[in-house]
Amino acid sequence: MSEMTSQSVTVIDYGIGNLLNVVRAFQRCGAGVTVVDNASQVTGLPDRLVLPGVGAFADGMIELKLRGFDDLVKRYAHTERPFLGICVGAQMLFDVGEEFGDHEGLGLIPGRVAPVPAIDIAGQAHRIPHIGWSSLKQPAACSTWKNTILDRIEPDEPMYFVHSFAPLPVNEAHRLADTYYNGVRICAAVACGSIYGCQFHPERSAQHGLDILSAFLSL
């Protein structure tokens, strides 16, 4: 079972996030959850900030800017307090997203968000989007998951993915976890200082997903 915590977390609502499942998952981990739908509602510095997301990269960035969250996230990222992006929320941490053309991201982690390759390792077409349970692997450049959001996860634990695009970090050291889709390497999680992102959905990944959220709360 996940270790119960008493930390608080602020979840950003910008109109396209998988909000209810994320809130319920954090509550199951014992967190006090505050949901904000405009940056003006955030006073002071939250203990932890979470950016969920489903849908298109460009739509997410438009809504973040309209609600003033782009500046808030950038300022918060420099405080060294824990930040977690989920799915599209993780993708928007990067410089550019390629969905429906190139679109500027938050620029907090160097790299791009590109389509999941439509051809598998054997050169055969496979289904896009990549949907379902897929195991986490520790990249060669990542020496340990200790003291990260994956602290309580063993390699090869499966997580739930639903996506057609994935991050391509410039720096291999920012890859916290990979997964493989019919042999194709996909960046599954990223870490840059106190900034974390999951391409998969921890809130939909059963107990192991709750273990990740609990570890985030314990950072």
N, C-alpha and C. Protein backbone atom coordinates (compact mmCIF):
# COMPACT_ATOMS: atom_id res chain seq x y z
N MET A 1 0.83 -1.20 0.00
CA MET A 1 0.00 0.00 0.00
C MET A 1 0.87 1.25 0.00
N SER A 2 0.34 2.35 -0.55
CA SER A 2 1.06 3.62 -0.54
C SER A 2 1.17 4.15 0.89
N GLU A 3 2.30 4.74 1.18
CA GLU A 3 2.48 5.38 2.48
C GLU A 3 1.60 6.61 2.55
N MET A 4 0.79 6.73 3.58
CA MET A 4 -0.10 7.88 3.71
C MET A 4 0.70 9.12 4.07
N THR A 5 0.33 10.24 3.50
CA THR A 5 1.03 11.49 3.73
C THR A 5 0.02 12.56 4.13
N SER A 6 0.53 13.69 4.60
CA SER A 6 -0.35 14.79 4.98
C SER A 6 -0.01 16.05 4.19
N GLN A 7 0.84 15.94 3.16
CA GLN A 7 1.23 17.10 2.39
C GLN A 7 0.07 17.63 1.54
N SER A 8 0.16 18.90 1.23
CA SER A 8 -0.84 19.51 0.37
C SER A 8 -0.32 19.61 -1.05
N VAL A 9 -1.23 19.64 -2.01
CA VAL A 9 -0.87 19.75 -3.41
C VAL A 9 -1.88 20.65 -4.10
N THR A 10 -1.39 21.51 -4.99
CA THR A 10 -2.24 22.38 -5.78
C THR A 10 -2.28 21.85 -7.21
N VAL A 11 -3.49 21.62 -7.73
CA VAL A 11 -3.67 21.07 -9.07
C VAL A 11 -4.21 22.17 -9.98
N ILE A 12 -3.56 22.35 -11.12
CA ILE A 12 -3.95 23.38 -12.08
C ILE A 12 -5.08 22.86 -12.97
N ASP A 13 -6.18 23.59 -13.01
CA ASP A 13 -7.31 23.29 -13.88
C ASP A 13 -7.33 24.33 -14.99
N TYR A 14 -6.98 23.93 -16.20
CA TYR A 14 -7.01 24.86 -17.34
C TYR A 14 -7.99 24.39 -18.40
N GLY A 15 -8.95 23.57 -17.99
CA GLY A 15 -10.06 23.23 -18.86
C GLY A 15 -9.91 21.98 -19.68
N ILE A 16 -8.69 21.39 -19.76
CA ILE A 16 -8.53 20.20 -20.60
C ILE A 16 -7.82 19.07 -19.85
N GLY A 17 -7.68 19.20 -18.54
CA GLY A 17 -6.98 18.18 -17.78
C GLY A 17 -7.88 17.04 -17.36
N ASN A 18 -7.26 15.90 -17.06
CA ASN A 18 -7.97 14.75 -16.52
C ASN A 18 -8.11 14.98 -15.01
N LEU A 19 -8.88 15.99 -14.67
CA LEU A 19 -8.81 16.59 -13.34
C LEU A 19 -9.34 15.69 -12.23
N LEU A 20 -10.55 15.16 -12.40
CA LEU A 20 -11.19 14.44 -11.31
C LEU A 20 -10.39 13.22 -10.88
N ASN A 21 -9.89 12.44 -11.83
CA ASN A 21 -9.10 11.26 -11.49
C ASN A 21 -7.82 11.63 -10.77
N VAL A 22 -7.19 12.74 -11.20
CA VAL A 22 -5.95 13.18 -10.55
C VAL A 22 -6.22 13.60 -9.11
N VAL A 23 -7.28 14.39 -8.91
CA VAL A 23 -7.63 14.85 -7.57
C VAL A 23 -7.94 13.67 -6.66
N ARG A 24 -8.74 12.73 -7.14
CA ARG A 24 -9.11 11.57 -6.32
C ARG A 24 -7.89 10.73 -5.98
N ALA A 25 -6.98 10.57 -6.94
CA ALA A 25 -5.78 9.77 -6.68
C ALA A 25 -4.92 10.40 -5.59
N PHE A 26 -4.73 11.71 -5.65
CA PHE A 26 -3.95 12.37 -4.60
C PHE A 26 -4.67 12.28 -3.25
N GLN A 27 -5.97 12.40 -3.26
CA GLN A 27 -6.71 12.27 -2.01
C GLN A 27 -6.57 10.88 -1.42
N ARG A 28 -6.54 9.86 -2.27
CA ARG A 28 -6.33 8.50 -1.79
C ARG A 28 -4.96 8.34 -1.16
N CYS A 29 -4.01 9.17 -1.59
CA CYS A 29 -2.66 9.14 -1.01
C CYS A 29 -2.57 9.98 0.26
N GLY A 30 -3.69 10.57 0.68
CA GLY A 30 -3.72 11.32 1.92
C GLY A 30 -3.42 12.79 1.78
N ALA A 31 -3.38 13.31 0.55
CA ALA A 31 -3.03 14.71 0.34
C ALA A 31 -4.26 15.61 0.48
N GLY A 32 -4.02 16.82 0.95
CA GLY A 32 -5.02 17.87 0.85
C GLY A 32 -4.87 18.53 -0.50
N VAL A 33 -5.94 18.54 -1.30
CA VAL A 33 -5.86 19.01 -2.68
C VAL A 33 -6.61 20.33 -2.86
N THR A 34 -5.94 21.30 -3.47
CA THR A 34 -6.56 22.56 -3.87
C THR A 34 -6.54 22.64 -5.38
N VAL A 35 -7.69 22.92 -5.99
CA VAL A 35 -7.78 23.06 -7.45
C VAL A 35 -7.93 24.54 -7.79
N VAL A 36 -7.13 25.03 -8.72
CA VAL A 36 -7.20 26.43 -9.13
C VAL A 36 -7.41 26.49 -10.64
N ASP A 37 -8.30 27.39 -11.10
CA ASP A 37 -8.53 27.52 -12.54
C ASP A 37 -8.08 28.86 -13.09
N ASN A 38 -7.37 29.65 -12.28
CA ASN A 38 -6.77 30.89 -12.74
C ASN A 38 -5.57 31.19 -11.84
N ALA A 39 -4.50 31.70 -12.44
CA ALA A 39 -3.29 31.95 -11.67
C ALA A 39 -3.52 32.96 -10.55
N SER A 40 -4.52 33.83 -10.71
CA SER A 40 -4.80 34.83 -9.68
C SER A 40 -5.27 34.21 -8.37
N GLN A 41 -5.70 32.94 -8.43
CA GLN A 41 -6.16 32.26 -7.23
C GLN A 41 -5.01 31.72 -6.38
N VAL A 42 -3.81 31.75 -6.92
CA VAL A 42 -2.66 31.19 -6.22
C VAL A 42 -1.95 32.32 -5.47
N THR A 43 -1.98 32.24 -4.16
CA THR A 43 -1.29 33.23 -3.33
C THR A 43 -0.14 32.53 -2.62
N GLY A 44 1.00 33.18 -2.61
CA GLY A 44 2.17 32.55 -2.01
C GLY A 44 2.67 31.41 -2.89
N LEU A 45 3.40 30.50 -2.27
CA LEU A 45 3.97 29.37 -2.99
C LEU A 45 3.34 28.07 -2.52
N PRO A 46 2.64 27.35 -3.38
CA PRO A 46 2.12 26.05 -2.99
C PRO A 46 3.25 25.10 -2.60
N ASP A 47 2.93 24.13 -1.75
CA ASP A 47 3.93 23.13 -1.39
C ASP A 47 4.35 22.31 -2.59
N ARG A 48 3.34 21.93 -3.39
CA ARG A 48 3.57 21.12 -4.58
C ARG A 48 2.57 21.55 -5.65
N LEU A 49 3.02 21.54 -6.89
CA LEU A 49 2.18 21.99 -7.99
C LEU A 49 2.09 20.88 -9.03
N VAL A 50 0.86 20.63 -9.52
CA VAL A 50 0.63 19.55 -10.48
C VAL A 50 -0.10 20.11 -11.70
N LEU A 51 0.40 19.74 -12.89
CA LEU A 51 -0.20 20.14 -14.16
C LEU A 51 -0.63 18.89 -14.90
N PRO A 52 -1.91 18.50 -14.79
CA PRO A 52 -2.39 17.35 -15.56
C PRO A 52 -2.68 17.77 -17.00
N GLY A 53 -3.13 16.82 -17.82
CA GLY A 53 -3.45 17.22 -19.18
C GLY A 53 -3.85 16.07 -20.07
N VAL A 54 -4.85 16.32 -20.90
CA VAL A 54 -5.21 15.43 -22.00
C VAL A 54 -5.49 16.33 -23.20
N GLY A 55 -5.46 15.75 -24.40
CA GLY A 55 -5.75 16.54 -25.59
C GLY A 55 -4.50 16.99 -26.30
N ALA A 56 -4.62 18.12 -27.01
CA ALA A 56 -3.54 18.59 -27.88
C ALA A 56 -2.63 19.58 -27.17
N PHE A 57 -1.34 19.51 -27.50
CA PHE A 57 -0.31 20.37 -26.94
C PHE A 57 -0.66 21.85 -27.12
N ALA A 58 -0.99 22.25 -28.35
CA ALA A 58 -1.26 23.66 -28.64
C ALA A 58 -2.45 24.18 -27.85
N ASP A 59 -3.51 23.39 -27.76
CA ASP A 59 -4.69 23.81 -26.99
C ASP A 59 -4.33 24.01 -25.53
N GLY A 60 -3.50 23.12 -24.99
CA GLY A 60 -3.08 23.25 -23.60
C GLY A 60 -2.31 24.53 -23.36
N MET A 61 -1.38 24.86 -24.26
CA MET A 61 -0.59 26.08 -24.09
C MET A 61 -1.47 27.33 -24.20
N ILE A 62 -2.43 27.32 -25.10
CA ILE A 62 -3.34 28.46 -25.24
C ILE A 62 -4.09 28.70 -23.94
N GLU A 63 -4.64 27.63 -23.37
CA GLU A 63 -5.41 27.78 -22.13
C GLU A 63 -4.52 28.18 -20.96
N LEU A 64 -3.32 27.64 -20.89
CA LEU A 64 -2.40 28.04 -19.82
C LEU A 64 -2.13 29.54 -19.87
N LYS A 65 -1.88 30.06 -21.07
CA LYS A 65 -1.59 31.48 -21.21
C LYS A 65 -2.80 32.34 -20.90
N LEU A 66 -3.98 31.93 -21.36
CA LEU A 66 -5.20 32.70 -21.10
C LEU A 66 -5.47 32.84 -19.61
N ARG A 67 -5.12 31.81 -18.85
CA ARG A 67 -5.40 31.82 -17.42
C ARG A 67 -4.21 32.25 -16.56
N GLY A 68 -3.12 32.66 -17.23
CA GLY A 68 -1.95 33.15 -16.52
C GLY A 68 -1.08 32.08 -15.90
N PHE A 69 -1.32 30.82 -16.26
CA PHE A 69 -0.57 29.74 -15.63
C PHE A 69 0.82 29.56 -16.21
N ASP A 70 1.05 30.02 -17.43
CA ASP A 70 2.37 29.84 -18.03
C ASP A 70 3.44 30.56 -17.20
N ASP A 71 3.18 31.80 -16.83
CA ASP A 71 4.13 32.54 -16.01
C ASP A 71 4.24 31.94 -14.62
N LEU A 72 3.12 31.52 -14.06
CA LEU A 72 3.14 30.91 -12.72
C LEU A 72 4.01 29.66 -12.70
N VAL A 73 3.83 28.80 -13.69
CA VAL A 73 4.60 27.55 -13.73
C VAL A 73 6.09 27.85 -13.89
N LYS A 74 6.42 28.79 -14.75
CA LYS A 74 7.83 29.14 -14.95
C LYS A 74 8.45 29.70 -13.67
N ARG A 75 7.72 30.56 -12.98
CA ARG A 75 8.24 31.11 -11.72
C ARG A 75 8.37 30.02 -10.66
N TYR A 76 7.38 29.17 -10.60
CA TYR A 76 7.38 28.10 -9.60
C TYR A 76 8.53 27.13 -9.84
N ALA A 77 8.84 26.88 -11.11
CA ALA A 77 9.89 25.91 -11.44
C ALA A 77 11.25 26.33 -10.90
N HIS A 78 11.44 27.62 -10.66
CA HIS A 78 12.72 28.11 -10.16
C HIS A 78 12.78 28.13 -8.62
N THR A 79 11.72 27.70 -7.97
CA THR A 79 11.71 27.69 -6.50
C THR A 79 12.27 26.41 -5.92
N GLU A 80 12.50 25.39 -6.78
CA GLU A 80 13.00 24.08 -6.36
C GLU A 80 11.99 23.32 -5.52
N ARG A 81 10.72 23.74 -5.58
CA ARG A 81 9.66 22.95 -4.95
C ARG A 81 9.15 21.92 -5.96
N PRO A 82 8.61 20.79 -5.47
CA PRO A 82 8.23 19.71 -6.38
C PRO A 82 7.11 20.12 -7.35
N PHE A 83 7.34 19.82 -8.62
CA PHE A 83 6.38 20.08 -9.68
C PHE A 83 6.21 18.80 -10.48
N LEU A 84 4.95 18.47 -10.84
CA LEU A 84 4.67 17.26 -11.61
C LEU A 84 3.74 17.58 -12.77
N GLY A 85 4.18 17.25 -13.99
CA GLY A 85 3.34 17.32 -15.16
C GLY A 85 2.91 15.91 -15.56
N ILE A 86 1.65 15.75 -15.97
CA ILE A 86 1.12 14.44 -16.33
C ILE A 86 0.62 14.48 -17.77
N CYS A 87 1.07 13.53 -18.58
CA CYS A 87 0.68 13.38 -19.98
C CYS A 87 0.96 14.68 -20.76
N VAL A 88 -0.05 15.36 -21.28
CA VAL A 88 0.20 16.61 -21.99
C VAL A 88 0.82 17.64 -21.05
N GLY A 89 0.50 17.57 -19.78
CA GLY A 89 1.12 18.45 -18.79
C GLY A 89 2.62 18.23 -18.71
N ALA A 90 3.08 17.00 -18.95
CA ALA A 90 4.52 16.72 -19.02
C ALA A 90 5.11 17.21 -20.33
N GLN A 91 4.36 17.03 -21.42
CA GLN A 91 4.86 17.46 -22.73
C GLN A 91 5.09 18.96 -22.79
N MET A 92 4.22 19.73 -22.16
CA MET A 92 4.32 21.19 -22.23
C MET A 92 5.52 21.74 -21.47
N LEU A 93 6.22 20.90 -20.72
CA LEU A 93 7.44 21.33 -20.04
C LEU A 93 8.57 21.58 -21.03
N PHE A 94 8.44 21.06 -22.25
CA PHE A 94 9.53 21.12 -23.22
C PHE A 94 9.45 22.37 -24.10
N ASP A 95 10.46 22.54 -24.94
CA ASP A 95 10.58 23.76 -25.75
C ASP A 95 9.50 23.86 -26.82
N VAL A 96 9.27 22.74 -27.52
CA VAL A 96 8.40 22.76 -28.70
C VAL A 96 7.60 21.47 -28.76
N GLY A 97 6.32 21.59 -29.14
CA GLY A 97 5.50 20.43 -29.44
C GLY A 97 5.17 20.42 -30.92
N GLU A 98 5.24 19.25 -31.55
CA GLU A 98 5.08 19.15 -33.00
C GLU A 98 3.66 18.78 -33.43
N GLU A 99 2.73 18.68 -32.51
CA GLU A 99 1.36 18.28 -32.85
C GLU A 99 0.66 19.40 -33.60
N PHE A 100 0.17 19.13 -34.82
CA PHE A 100 -0.47 20.13 -35.68
C PHE A 100 0.44 21.33 -35.93
N GLY A 101 1.71 21.06 -36.23
CA GLY A 101 2.69 22.11 -36.44
C GLY A 101 3.52 22.35 -35.19
N ASP A 102 4.55 23.18 -35.31
CA ASP A 102 5.40 23.48 -34.17
C ASP A 102 4.75 24.53 -33.28
N HIS A 103 4.72 24.25 -31.98
CA HIS A 103 4.13 25.17 -31.02
C HIS A 103 5.05 25.31 -29.82
N GLU A 104 5.23 26.54 -29.36
CA GLU A 104 6.13 26.81 -28.25
C GLU A 104 5.58 26.25 -26.94
N GLY A 105 6.44 25.57 -26.19
CA GLY A 105 6.09 25.07 -24.87
C GLY A 105 6.61 25.98 -23.78
N LEU A 106 6.67 25.44 -22.57
CA LEU A 106 7.11 26.23 -21.41
C LEU A 106 8.63 26.39 -21.35
N GLY A 107 9.36 25.53 -22.04
CA GLY A 107 10.81 25.67 -22.11
C GLY A 107 11.54 25.39 -20.83
N LEU A 108 11.00 24.53 -19.98
CA LEU A 108 11.63 24.21 -18.70
C LEU A 108 12.60 23.04 -18.80
N ILE A 109 12.41 22.20 -19.82
CA ILE A 109 13.32 21.08 -20.08
C ILE A 109 13.67 21.13 -21.56
N PRO A 110 14.95 21.16 -21.91
CA PRO A 110 15.33 21.24 -23.32
C PRO A 110 14.87 20.00 -24.09
N GLY A 111 14.23 20.24 -25.24
CA GLY A 111 13.79 19.13 -26.07
C GLY A 111 12.50 19.43 -26.79
N ARG A 112 12.04 18.44 -27.55
CA ARG A 112 10.84 18.55 -28.34
C ARG A 112 9.87 17.44 -27.98
N VAL A 113 8.63 17.61 -28.39
CA VAL A 113 7.61 16.57 -28.27
C VAL A 113 7.23 16.15 -29.68
N ALA A 114 7.52 14.90 -30.02
CA ALA A 114 7.38 14.41 -31.39
C ALA A 114 6.40 13.24 -31.45
N PRO A 115 5.91 12.90 -32.64
CA PRO A 115 4.99 11.77 -32.76
C PRO A 115 5.63 10.46 -32.35
N VAL A 116 4.87 9.60 -31.71
CA VAL A 116 5.31 8.23 -31.49
C VAL A 116 5.46 7.57 -32.86
N PRO A 117 6.62 6.97 -33.15
CA PRO A 117 6.82 6.37 -34.48
C PRO A 117 5.71 5.39 -34.84
N ALA A 118 5.23 5.49 -36.08
CA ALA A 118 4.13 4.64 -36.54
C ALA A 118 4.61 3.27 -37.01
N ILE A 119 5.95 3.06 -37.01
CA ILE A 119 6.54 1.81 -37.45
C ILE A 119 7.27 1.17 -36.28
N ASP A 120 7.09 -0.13 -36.08
CA ASP A 120 7.74 -0.80 -34.96
C ASP A 120 9.18 -1.17 -35.30
N ILE A 121 9.85 -1.85 -34.37
CA ILE A 121 11.26 -2.16 -34.52
C ILE A 121 11.51 -3.09 -35.70
N ALA A 122 10.48 -3.84 -36.13
CA ALA A 122 10.61 -4.75 -37.26
C ALA A 122 10.21 -4.10 -38.59
N GLY A 123 9.87 -2.79 -38.52
CA GLY A 123 9.49 -2.09 -39.74
C GLY A 123 8.03 -2.24 -40.12
N GLN A 124 7.24 -2.76 -39.20
CA GLN A 124 5.81 -2.97 -39.46
C GLN A 124 4.99 -1.84 -38.82
N ALA A 125 3.90 -1.46 -39.48
CA ALA A 125 3.02 -0.44 -38.91
C ALA A 125 2.35 -0.99 -37.65
N HIS A 126 2.25 -0.15 -36.63
CA HIS A 126 1.51 -0.53 -35.43
C HIS A 126 0.55 0.58 -35.03
N ARG A 127 -0.32 0.26 -34.10
CA ARG A 127 -1.41 1.18 -33.77
C ARG A 127 -0.90 2.46 -33.11
N ILE A 128 -1.40 3.55 -33.58
CA ILE A 128 -1.21 4.87 -32.96
C ILE A 128 -2.59 5.45 -32.74
N PRO A 129 -2.93 5.89 -31.55
CA PRO A 129 -2.07 6.10 -30.39
C PRO A 129 -1.62 4.81 -29.69
N HIS A 130 -0.57 4.98 -28.92
CA HIS A 130 -0.09 3.92 -28.04
C HIS A 130 -1.00 3.90 -26.81
N ILE A 131 -1.77 2.83 -26.67
CA ILE A 131 -2.75 2.74 -25.59
C ILE A 131 -2.54 1.43 -24.83
N GLY A 132 -2.47 1.53 -23.50
CA GLY A 132 -2.45 0.33 -22.69
C GLY A 132 -1.31 0.33 -21.67
N TRP A 133 -1.10 -0.83 -21.08
CA TRP A 133 -0.10 -1.00 -20.02
C TRP A 133 1.26 -1.30 -20.63
N SER A 134 2.27 -0.58 -20.16
CA SER A 134 3.61 -0.73 -20.70
C SER A 134 4.61 -0.57 -19.56
N SER A 135 5.65 -1.40 -19.57
CA SER A 135 6.59 -1.46 -18.44
C SER A 135 7.59 -0.31 -18.46
N LEU A 136 7.93 0.17 -17.26
CA LEU A 136 8.95 1.20 -17.13
C LEU A 136 10.33 0.56 -17.10
N LYS A 137 11.25 1.18 -17.81
CA LYS A 137 12.64 0.73 -17.85
C LYS A 137 13.54 1.86 -17.38
N GLN A 138 14.64 1.51 -16.74
CA GLN A 138 15.59 2.52 -16.28
C GLN A 138 16.58 2.81 -17.40
N PRO A 139 16.64 4.05 -17.89
CA PRO A 139 17.56 4.38 -18.98
C PRO A 139 19.02 4.24 -18.54
N ALA A 140 19.90 4.06 -19.51
CA ALA A 140 21.32 3.88 -19.21
C ALA A 140 21.91 5.09 -18.49
N ALA A 141 21.41 6.29 -18.81
CA ALA A 141 21.97 7.50 -18.21
C ALA A 141 21.41 7.79 -16.83
N CYS A 142 20.44 6.99 -16.38
CA CYS A 142 19.82 7.19 -15.05
C CYS A 142 20.35 6.12 -14.11
N SER A 143 21.15 6.52 -13.14
CA SER A 143 21.81 5.55 -12.27
C SER A 143 20.90 5.01 -11.17
N THR A 144 19.89 5.80 -10.78
CA THR A 144 19.01 5.37 -9.69
C THR A 144 17.69 6.11 -9.73
N TRP A 145 16.65 5.48 -9.21
CA TRP A 145 15.36 6.13 -9.02
C TRP A 145 15.18 6.59 -7.58
N LYS A 146 16.16 6.36 -6.75
CA LYS A 146 16.06 6.74 -5.34
C LYS A 146 15.88 8.24 -5.20
N ASN A 147 14.99 8.63 -4.29
CA ASN A 147 14.70 10.04 -4.00
C ASN A 147 14.09 10.77 -5.19
N THR A 148 13.40 10.03 -6.06
CA THR A 148 12.64 10.62 -7.15
C THR A 148 11.19 10.15 -7.02
N ILE A 149 10.35 10.54 -7.96
CA ILE A 149 8.96 10.08 -7.92
C ILE A 149 8.85 8.57 -8.17
N LEU A 150 9.92 7.95 -8.68
CA LEU A 150 9.92 6.50 -8.91
C LEU A 150 10.64 5.75 -7.79
N ASP A 151 10.83 6.41 -6.68
CA ASP A 151 11.57 5.83 -5.56
C ASP A 151 10.97 4.49 -5.12
N ARG A 152 9.66 4.33 -5.20
CA ARG A 152 8.97 3.14 -4.70
C ARG A 152 8.60 2.15 -5.81
N ILE A 153 9.17 2.37 -6.99
CA ILE A 153 8.86 1.55 -8.16
C ILE A 153 10.07 0.71 -8.54
N GLU A 154 9.82 -0.53 -8.89
CA GLU A 154 10.86 -1.39 -9.43
C GLU A 154 10.81 -1.35 -10.95
N PRO A 155 11.98 -1.46 -11.62
CA PRO A 155 11.96 -1.56 -13.08
C PRO A 155 11.04 -2.69 -13.55
N ASP A 156 10.39 -2.46 -14.68
CA ASP A 156 9.45 -3.38 -15.31
C ASP A 156 8.04 -3.30 -14.75
N GLU A 157 7.79 -2.41 -13.78
CA GLU A 157 6.41 -2.21 -13.34
C GLU A 157 5.63 -1.56 -14.48
N PRO A 158 4.42 -2.05 -14.78
CA PRO A 158 3.64 -1.48 -15.88
C PRO A 158 2.84 -0.25 -15.46
N MET A 159 2.74 0.71 -16.37
CA MET A 159 1.94 1.91 -16.18
C MET A 159 1.01 2.08 -17.38
N TYR A 160 -0.04 2.90 -17.20
CA TYR A 160 -1.06 3.04 -18.24
C TYR A 160 -0.77 4.25 -19.12
N PHE A 161 -0.67 4.01 -20.42
CA PHE A 161 -0.36 5.04 -21.41
C PHE A 161 -1.54 5.24 -22.37
N VAL A 162 -1.77 6.50 -22.75
CA VAL A 162 -2.69 6.84 -23.84
C VAL A 162 -2.09 8.08 -24.52
N HIS A 163 -1.39 7.89 -25.64
CA HIS A 163 -0.74 9.06 -26.26
C HIS A 163 -0.30 8.74 -27.68
N SER A 164 -0.22 9.81 -28.47
CA SER A 164 0.29 9.74 -29.84
C SER A 164 1.61 10.48 -29.99
N PHE A 165 1.98 11.28 -28.98
CA PHE A 165 3.22 12.06 -28.98
C PHE A 165 3.97 11.78 -27.68
N ALA A 166 5.28 12.02 -27.72
CA ALA A 166 6.10 11.78 -26.53
C ALA A 166 7.30 12.71 -26.54
N PRO A 167 7.85 13.03 -25.37
CA PRO A 167 9.01 13.93 -25.30
C PRO A 167 10.27 13.29 -25.87
N LEU A 168 11.12 14.16 -26.41
CA LEU A 168 12.47 13.78 -26.83
C LEU A 168 13.45 14.74 -26.14
N PRO A 169 13.87 14.43 -24.91
CA PRO A 169 14.79 15.34 -24.21
C PRO A 169 16.13 15.45 -24.93
N VAL A 170 16.68 16.65 -24.95
CA VAL A 170 18.01 16.87 -25.53
C VAL A 170 19.06 16.13 -24.70
N ASN A 171 18.91 16.23 -23.39
CA ASN A 171 19.87 15.65 -22.45
C ASN A 171 19.36 14.28 -21.99
N GLU A 172 20.13 13.24 -22.27
CA GLU A 172 19.72 11.89 -21.86
C GLU A 172 19.55 11.79 -20.34
N ALA A 173 20.27 12.62 -19.59
CA ALA A 173 20.18 12.57 -18.14
C ALA A 173 18.81 13.01 -17.63
N HIS A 174 18.02 13.68 -18.48
CA HIS A 174 16.68 14.10 -18.08
C HIS A 174 15.65 12.98 -18.25
N ARG A 175 16.05 11.88 -18.87
CA ARG A 175 15.16 10.72 -18.99
C ARG A 175 15.18 9.95 -17.67
N LEU A 176 14.07 9.98 -16.97
CA LEU A 176 13.97 9.23 -15.72
C LEU A 176 13.55 7.79 -15.97
N ALA A 177 12.70 7.58 -16.96
CA ALA A 177 12.25 6.24 -17.31
C ALA A 177 11.88 6.19 -18.78
N ASP A 178 12.09 5.03 -19.37
CA ASP A 178 11.65 4.76 -20.72
C ASP A 178 10.62 3.63 -20.70
N THR A 179 9.93 3.48 -21.82
CA THR A 179 9.14 2.29 -22.06
C THR A 179 9.38 1.90 -23.51
N TYR A 180 8.95 0.72 -23.90
CA TYR A 180 9.13 0.25 -25.27
C TYR A 180 7.80 -0.21 -25.83
N TYR A 181 7.47 0.31 -26.99
CA TYR A 181 6.23 -0.04 -27.69
C TYR A 181 6.61 -0.82 -28.94
N ASN A 182 6.43 -2.14 -28.88
CA ASN A 182 6.85 -3.02 -29.98
C ASN A 182 8.30 -2.75 -30.37
N GLY A 183 9.13 -2.54 -29.36
CA GLY A 183 10.55 -2.33 -29.57
C GLY A 183 10.97 -0.89 -29.76
N VAL A 184 10.03 0.01 -29.91
CA VAL A 184 10.33 1.44 -30.11
C VAL A 184 10.50 2.11 -28.74
N ARG A 185 11.63 2.76 -28.56
CA ARG A 185 11.92 3.43 -27.28
C ARG A 185 11.10 4.70 -27.15
N ILE A 186 10.43 4.85 -26.02
CA ILE A 186 9.61 6.02 -25.73
C ILE A 186 10.00 6.57 -24.37
N CYS A 187 10.16 7.88 -24.29
CA CYS A 187 10.45 8.51 -23.00
C CYS A 187 9.18 8.49 -22.15
N ALA A 188 9.22 7.79 -21.02
CA ALA A 188 8.04 7.60 -20.18
C ALA A 188 7.97 8.58 -19.02
N ALA A 189 9.12 9.04 -18.53
CA ALA A 189 9.15 9.99 -17.42
C ALA A 189 10.43 10.80 -17.50
N VAL A 190 10.33 12.06 -17.06
CA VAL A 190 11.48 12.96 -17.10
C VAL A 190 11.68 13.59 -15.72
N ALA A 191 12.92 14.02 -15.48
CA ALA A 191 13.25 14.72 -14.25
C ALA A 191 14.33 15.75 -14.54
N CYS A 192 14.11 16.95 -14.04
CA CYS A 192 15.10 18.02 -14.18
C CYS A 192 15.06 18.83 -12.89
N GLY A 193 15.96 18.53 -11.96
CA GLY A 193 15.90 19.13 -10.64
C GLY A 193 14.64 18.67 -9.93
N SER A 194 13.82 19.62 -9.50
CA SER A 194 12.58 19.29 -8.80
C SER A 194 11.38 19.20 -9.75
N ILE A 195 11.64 19.29 -11.06
CA ILE A 195 10.59 19.22 -12.07
C ILE A 195 10.48 17.80 -12.60
N TYR A 196 9.27 17.24 -12.52
CA TYR A 196 9.04 15.88 -13.00
C TYR A 196 7.90 15.86 -14.01
N GLY A 197 7.97 14.90 -14.91
CA GLY A 197 6.88 14.70 -15.86
C GLY A 197 6.68 13.23 -16.14
N CYS A 198 5.43 12.81 -16.24
CA CYS A 198 5.07 11.43 -16.59
C CYS A 198 4.27 11.43 -17.88
N GLN A 199 4.76 10.72 -18.90
CA GLN A 199 3.97 10.59 -20.12
C GLN A 199 2.77 9.67 -19.88
N PHE A 200 2.93 8.71 -18.99
CA PHE A 200 1.83 7.82 -18.61
C PHE A 200 0.92 8.51 -17.59
N HIS A 201 -0.16 7.83 -17.22
CA HIS A 201 -1.11 8.38 -16.27
C HIS A 201 -0.98 7.65 -14.93
N PRO A 202 -0.27 8.20 -13.95
CA PRO A 202 -0.18 7.53 -12.65
C PRO A 202 -1.54 7.40 -11.97
N GLU A 203 -2.42 8.36 -12.22
CA GLU A 203 -3.76 8.33 -11.60
C GLU A 203 -4.63 7.20 -12.16
N ARG A 204 -4.19 6.58 -13.25
CA ARG A 204 -4.92 5.47 -13.85
C ARG A 204 -4.10 4.18 -13.84
N SER A 205 -3.02 4.17 -13.07
CA SER A 205 -2.09 3.05 -13.08
C SER A 205 -2.14 2.22 -11.80
N ALA A 206 -3.33 2.12 -11.21
CA ALA A 206 -3.58 1.25 -10.05
C ALA A 206 -2.61 1.58 -8.91
N GLN A 207 -2.22 0.58 -8.13
CA GLN A 207 -1.44 0.83 -6.92
C GLN A 207 -0.06 1.41 -7.22
N HIS A 208 0.57 0.94 -8.30
CA HIS A 208 1.89 1.47 -8.61
C HIS A 208 1.82 2.96 -8.95
N GLY A 209 0.74 3.37 -9.59
CA GLY A 209 0.56 4.79 -9.86
C GLY A 209 0.39 5.60 -8.59
N LEU A 210 -0.37 5.05 -7.63
CA LEU A 210 -0.52 5.73 -6.34
C LEU A 210 0.82 5.80 -5.60
N ASP A 211 1.65 4.78 -5.77
CA ASP A 211 2.98 4.80 -5.15
C ASP A 211 3.82 5.96 -5.70
N ILE A 212 3.66 6.23 -7.00
CA ILE A 212 4.38 7.35 -7.60
C ILE A 212 3.90 8.68 -7.04
N LEU A 213 2.58 8.84 -6.94
CA LEU A 213 2.03 10.08 -6.39
C LEU A 213 2.41 10.25 -4.92
N SER A 214 2.43 9.17 -4.17
CA SER A 214 2.85 9.24 -2.78
C SER A 214 4.31 9.64 -2.67
N ALA A 215 5.15 9.11 -3.55
CA ALA A 215 6.55 9.48 -3.54
C ALA A 215 6.73 10.97 -3.87
N PHE A 216 5.92 11.46 -4.82
CA PHE A 216 5.94 12.89 -5.14
C PHE A 216 5.59 13.73 -3.92
N LEU A 217 4.57 13.29 -3.17
CA LEU A 217 4.18 14.02 -1.97
C LEU A 217 5.24 13.98 -0.89
N SER A 218 6.12 12.99 -0.94
CA SER A 218 7.14 12.84 0.10
C SER A 218 8.46 13.50 -0.28
N LEU A 219 8.57 14.09 -1.48
CA LEU A 219 9.81 14.72 -1.89
C LEU A 219 10.14 15.89 -0.98
